[in-house]
């Protein structure tokens, strides 16, 4: 679970919006 959280944070940093949306959809 921790790894997923870190990945989500990185994605949010890379693309605040598109990346976050992709992660939320994956979950």
PDB file of N, CA and C in Angstrom:
ATOM      1  N   UNK A   1       0.842  -1.197   0.000  1.00  0.00           N
ATOM      2  CA  UNK A   1       0.000   0.000   0.000  1.00  0.00           C
ATOM      3  C   UNK A   1       0.880   1.252   0.000  1.00  0.00           C
ATOM      4  N   UNK A   2       1.986   1.170   0.717  1.00  0.00           N
ATOM      5  CA  UNK A   2       2.869   2.335   0.791  1.00  0.00           C
ATOM      6  C   UNK A   2       3.440   2.644  -0.596  1.00  0.00           C
ATOM      7  N   UNK A   3       3.813   1.595  -1.314  1.00  0.00           N
ATOM      8  CA  UNK A   3       4.399   1.782  -2.638  1.00  0.00           C
ATOM      9  C   UNK A   3       3.403   2.475  -3.563  1.00  0.00           C
ATOM     10  N   UNK A   4       2.146   2.056  -3.462  1.00  0.00           N
ATOM     11  CA  UNK A   4       1.114   2.653  -4.313  1.00  0.00           C
ATOM     12  C   UNK A   4       0.970   4.137  -4.002  1.00  0.00           C
ATOM     13  N   UNK A   5       1.014   4.470  -2.712  1.00  0.00           N
ATOM     14  CA  UNK A   5       0.864   5.860  -2.302  1.00  0.00           C
ATOM     15  C   UNK A   5       1.995   6.703  -2.897  1.00  0.00           C
ATOM     16  N   UNK A   6       3.224   6.180  -2.819  1.00  0.00           N
ATOM     17  CA  UNK A   6       4.376   6.910  -3.348  1.00  0.00           C
ATOM     18  C   UNK A   6       4.200   7.107  -4.855  1.00  0.00           C
ATOM     19  N   UNK A   7       3.771   6.058  -5.533  1.00  0.00           N
ATOM     20  CA  UNK A   7       3.584   6.137  -6.980  1.00  0.00           C
ATOM     21  C   UNK A   7       2.553   7.212  -7.319  1.00  0.00           C
ATOM     22  N   UNK A   8       1.473   7.238  -6.550  1.00  0.00           N
ATOM     23  CA  UNK A   8       0.428   8.236  -6.783  1.00  0.00           C
ATOM     24  C   UNK A   8       0.974   9.646  -6.608  1.00  0.00           C
ATOM     25  N   UNK A   9       1.789   9.833  -5.573  1.00  0.00           N
ATOM     26  CA  UNK A   9       2.360  11.151  -5.311  1.00  0.00           C
ATOM     27  C   UNK A   9       3.233  11.586  -6.481  1.00  0.00           C
ATOM     28  N   UNK A  10       4.064  10.674  -6.975  1.00  0.00           N
ATOM     29  CA  UNK A  10       4.949  10.989  -8.096  1.00  0.00           C
ATOM     30  C   UNK A  10       4.123  11.341  -9.322  1.00  0.00           C
ATOM     31  N   UNK A  11       3.078  10.557  -9.571  1.00  0.00           N
ATOM     32  CA  UNK A  11       2.235  10.817 -10.735  1.00  0.00           C
ATOM     33  C   UNK A  11       1.597  12.188 -10.626  1.00  0.00           C
ATOM     34  N   UNK A  12       1.155  12.536  -9.437  1.00  0.00           N
ATOM     35  CA  UNK A  12       0.517  13.839  -9.231  1.00  0.00           C
ATOM     36  C   UNK A  12       1.517  14.952  -9.523  1.00  0.00           C
ATOM     37  N   UNK A  13       2.776  14.722  -9.148  1.00  0.00           N
ATOM     38  CA  UNK A  13       3.817  15.729  -9.376  1.00  0.00           C
ATOM     39  C   UNK A  13       4.089  15.863 -10.868  1.00  0.00           C
ATOM     40  N   UNK A  14       4.139  14.723 -11.560  1.00  0.00           N
ATOM     41  CA  UNK A  14       4.435  14.736 -12.995  1.00  0.00           C
ATOM     42  C   UNK A  14       3.297  15.401 -13.761  1.00  0.00           C
ATOM     43  N   UNK A  15       2.062  14.966 -13.478  1.00  0.00           N
ATOM     44  CA  UNK A  15       0.918  15.539 -14.201  1.00  0.00           C
ATOM     45  C   UNK A  15      -0.231  15.769 -13.254  1.00  0.00           C
ATOM     46  N   UNK A  16      -0.227  16.889 -12.577  1.00  0.00           N
ATOM     47  CA  UNK A  16      -1.302  17.179 -11.619  1.00  0.00           C
ATOM     48  C   UNK A  16      -2.624  17.290 -12.364  1.00  0.00           C
ATOM     49  N   UNK A  17      -3.380  16.199 -12.350  1.00  0.00           N
ATOM     50  CA  UNK A  17      -4.662  16.217 -13.062  1.00  0.00           C
ATOM     51  C   UNK A  17      -4.781  14.955 -13.891  1.00  0.00           C
ATOM     52  N   UNK A  18      -4.097  14.934 -15.024  1.00  0.00           N
ATOM     53  CA  UNK A  18      -4.147  13.756 -15.893  1.00  0.00           C
ATOM     54  C   UNK A  18      -3.582  12.546 -15.161  1.00  0.00           C
ATOM     55  N   UNK A  19      -2.423  12.707 -14.555  1.00  0.00           N
ATOM     56  CA  UNK A  19      -1.787  11.591 -13.847  1.00  0.00           C
ATOM     57  C   UNK A  19      -2.644  11.130 -12.681  1.00  0.00           C
ATOM     58  N   UNK A  20      -3.126  12.092 -11.883  1.00  0.00           N
ATOM     59  CA  UNK A  20      -3.950  11.747 -10.719  1.00  0.00           C
ATOM     60  C   UNK A  20      -5.203  11.016 -11.191  1.00  0.00           C
ATOM     61  N   UNK A  21      -5.813  11.492 -12.253  1.00  0.00           N
ATOM     62  CA  UNK A  21      -7.039  10.866 -12.768  1.00  0.00           C
ATOM     63  C   UNK A  21      -6.735   9.429 -13.194  1.00  0.00           C
ATOM     64  N   UNK A  22      -5.603   9.211 -13.828  1.00  0.00           N
ATOM     65  CA  UNK A  22      -5.238   7.863 -14.279  1.00  0.00           C
ATOM     66  C   UNK A  22      -5.059   6.935 -13.092  1.00  0.00           C
ATOM     67  N   UNK A  23      -4.391   7.416 -12.050  1.00  0.00           N
ATOM     68  CA  UNK A  23      -4.178   6.588 -10.858  1.00  0.00           C
ATOM     69  C   UNK A  23      -5.514   6.265 -10.204  1.00  0.00           C
ATOM     70  N   UNK A  24      -6.378   7.257 -10.080  1.00  0.00           N
ATOM     71  CA  UNK A  24      -7.683   7.038  -9.439  1.00  0.00           C
ATOM     72  C   UNK A  24      -8.489   6.024 -10.232  1.00  0.00           C
ATOM     73  N   UNK A  25      -8.382   6.084 -11.560  1.00  0.00           N
ATOM     74  CA  UNK A  25      -9.127   5.135 -12.399  1.00  0.00           C
ATOM     75  C   UNK A  25      -8.551   3.733 -12.231  1.00  0.00           C
ATOM     76  N   UNK A  26      -7.237   3.632 -12.121  1.00  0.00           N
ATOM     77  CA  UNK A  26      -6.589   2.327 -11.960  1.00  0.00           C
ATOM     78  C   UNK A  26      -7.053   1.683 -10.656  1.00  0.00           C
ATOM     79  N   UNK A  27      -7.230   2.472  -9.616  1.00  0.00           N
ATOM     80  CA  UNK A  27      -7.658   1.954  -8.308  1.00  0.00           C
ATOM     81  C   UNK A  27      -9.143   1.745  -8.335  1.00  0.00           C
TER      82      UNK A  27
END
